[in-house]
C-alpha atoms as a PDB file:
ATOM      1  CA  MET A   1     -29.148 -25.651 -15.001  1.00  0.00           C
ATOM      2  CA  THR A   2     -27.888 -29.098 -15.691  1.00  0.00           C
ATOM      3  CA  THR A   3     -27.799 -30.337 -18.967  1.00  0.00           C
ATOM      4  CA  GLU A   4     -28.385 -34.577 -19.617  1.00  0.00           C
ATOM      5  CA  THR A   5     -25.867 -36.372 -21.443  1.00  0.00           C
ATOM      6  CA  PHE A   6     -26.010 -39.894 -23.181  1.00  0.00           C
ATOM      7  CA  SER A   7     -24.518 -42.519 -22.389  1.00  0.00           C
ATOM      8  CA  LEU A   8     -22.379 -44.165 -25.334  1.00  0.00           C
ATOM      9  CA  PRO A   9     -25.026 -47.347 -24.940  1.00  0.00           C
ATOM     10  CA  ALA A  10     -27.914 -44.691 -26.025  1.00  0.00           C
ATOM     11  CA  ARG A  11     -25.619 -43.356 -28.636  1.00  0.00           C
ATOM     12  CA  ARG A  12     -24.967 -46.693 -30.359  1.00  0.00           C
ATOM     13  CA  VAL A  13     -28.835 -46.366 -30.072  1.00  0.00           C
ATOM     14  CA  THR A  14     -30.021 -43.495 -31.369  1.00  0.00           C
ATOM     15  CA  ALA A  15     -27.337 -44.034 -34.502  1.00  0.00           C
ATOM     16  CA  ARG A  16     -28.026 -47.407 -35.357  1.00  0.00           C
ATOM     17  CA  THR A  17     -31.957 -46.230 -35.285  1.00  0.00           C
ATOM     18  CA  HIS A  18     -30.768 -43.264 -37.639  1.00  0.00           C
ATOM     19  CA  ASP A  19     -29.056 -45.841 -40.105  1.00  0.00           C
ATOM     20  CA  VAL A  20     -32.082 -47.662 -40.391  1.00  0.00           C
ATOM     21  CA  LEU A  21     -34.510 -45.540 -40.714  1.00  0.00           C
ATOM     22  CA  GLU A  22     -32.241 -43.932 -42.796  1.00  0.00           C
ATOM     23  CA  THR A  23     -31.939 -47.508 -45.093  1.00  0.00           C
ATOM     24  CA  ILE A  24     -35.903 -47.832 -44.718  1.00  0.00           C
ATOM     25  CA  TYR A  25     -36.162 -43.891 -46.663  1.00  0.00           C
ATOM     26  CA  SER A  26     -33.792 -44.116 -48.924  1.00  0.00           C
ATOM     27  CA  ALA A  27     -34.196 -47.938 -49.902  1.00  0.00           C
ATOM     28  CA  PRO A  28     -35.852 -48.599 -53.382  1.00  0.00           C
ATOM     29  CA  ALA A  29     -38.588 -50.525 -53.625  1.00  0.00           C
ATOM     30  CA  PRO A  30     -38.768 -54.129 -54.945  1.00  0.00           C
ATOM     31  CA  ARG A  31     -40.208 -54.337 -58.003  1.00  0.00           C
ATOM     32  CA  TRP A  32     -42.660 -57.599 -59.375  1.00  0.00           C
ATOM     33  CA  GLY A  33     -39.811 -58.927 -61.457  1.00  0.00           C
ATOM     34  CA  SER A  34     -39.864 -61.978 -63.974  1.00  0.00           C
ATOM     35  CA  SER A  35     -38.875 -64.704 -60.977  1.00  0.00           C
ATOM     36  CA  ALA A  36     -40.542 -66.162 -57.837  1.00  0.00           C
ATOM     37  CA  THR A  37     -38.378 -64.340 -56.254  1.00  0.00           C
ATOM     38  CA  ASP A  38     -38.301 -60.588 -56.999  1.00  0.00           C
ATOM     39  CA  HIS A  39     -42.333 -61.428 -57.151  1.00  0.00           C
ATOM     40  CA  GLY A  40     -42.132 -63.113 -52.894  1.00  0.00           C
ATOM     41  CA  LYS A  41     -39.868 -60.108 -52.134  1.00  0.00           C
ATOM     42  CA  PHE A  42     -42.668 -57.592 -53.928  1.00  0.00           C
ATOM     43  CA  LEU A  43     -45.814 -58.991 -52.017  1.00  0.00           C
ATOM     44  CA  SER A  44     -43.172 -59.341 -48.536  1.00  0.00           C
ATOM     45  CA  TYR A  45     -43.216 -55.246 -48.597  1.00  0.00           C
ATOM     46  CA  LEU A  46     -46.390 -54.609 -50.161  1.00  0.00           C
ATOM     47  CA  VAL A  47     -48.091 -56.537 -46.601  1.00  0.00           C
ATOM     48  CA  GLY A  48     -45.293 -55.622 -44.998  1.00  0.00           C
ATOM     49  CA  SER A  49     -46.308 -51.740 -46.079  1.00  0.00           C
ATOM     50  CA  MET A  50     -49.994 -52.228 -45.527  1.00  0.00           C
ATOM     51  CA  VAL A  51     -49.584 -54.328 -42.026  1.00  0.00           C
ATOM     52  CA  THR A  52     -47.164 -50.983 -40.842  1.00  0.00           C
ATOM     53  CA  TRP A  53     -49.544 -48.501 -41.893  1.00  0.00           C
ATOM     54  CA  VAL A  54     -52.636 -50.235 -40.315  1.00  0.00           C
ATOM     55  CA  VAL A  55     -50.750 -50.986 -37.051  1.00  0.00           C
ATOM     56  CA  LEU A  56     -48.828 -47.249 -36.772  1.00  0.00           C
ATOM     57  CA  PRO A  57     -51.770 -45.436 -36.687  1.00  0.00           C
ATOM     58  CA  LEU A  58     -53.479 -47.661 -33.759  1.00  0.00           C
ATOM     59  CA  VAL A  59     -50.322 -47.895 -31.709  1.00  0.00           C
ATOM     60  CA  VAL A  60     -49.823 -43.801 -31.791  1.00  0.00           C
ATOM     61  CA  THR A  61     -53.374 -43.389 -30.720  1.00  0.00           C
ATOM     62  CA  GLY A  62     -53.068 -46.356 -28.523  1.00  0.00           C
ATOM     63  CA  ALA A  63     -49.857 -44.044 -27.315  1.00  0.00           C
ATOM     64  CA  PHE A  64     -51.859 -41.025 -26.988  1.00  0.00           C
ATOM     65  CA  ALA A  65     -54.809 -41.731 -25.433  1.00  0.00           C
ATOM     66  CA  ALA A  66     -52.448 -43.639 -22.338  1.00  0.00           C
ATOM     67  CA  LEU A  67     -50.653 -40.095 -21.584  1.00  0.00           C
ATOM     68  CA  LEU A  68     -54.182 -38.563 -22.062  1.00  0.00           C
ATOM     69  CA  SER A  69     -55.656 -40.567 -18.853  1.00  0.00           C
ATOM     70  CA  LEU A  70     -52.819 -39.826 -16.756  1.00  0.00           C
END
């Protein structure tokens, strides 16, 4: 039985992906605040979250449908 080993760039990508996901998971959500900058950050976060939660299930469903059609 052979074991697969990842190449060095694949490990870097995996580690970087893990770091990005950890940052997203642990970072606090922006608050409304009192300045226009705070409002912009909050609205960007809100719209980005809404788009992500709509698009992500569509992508997963499409990938699953593609696998079923093989």
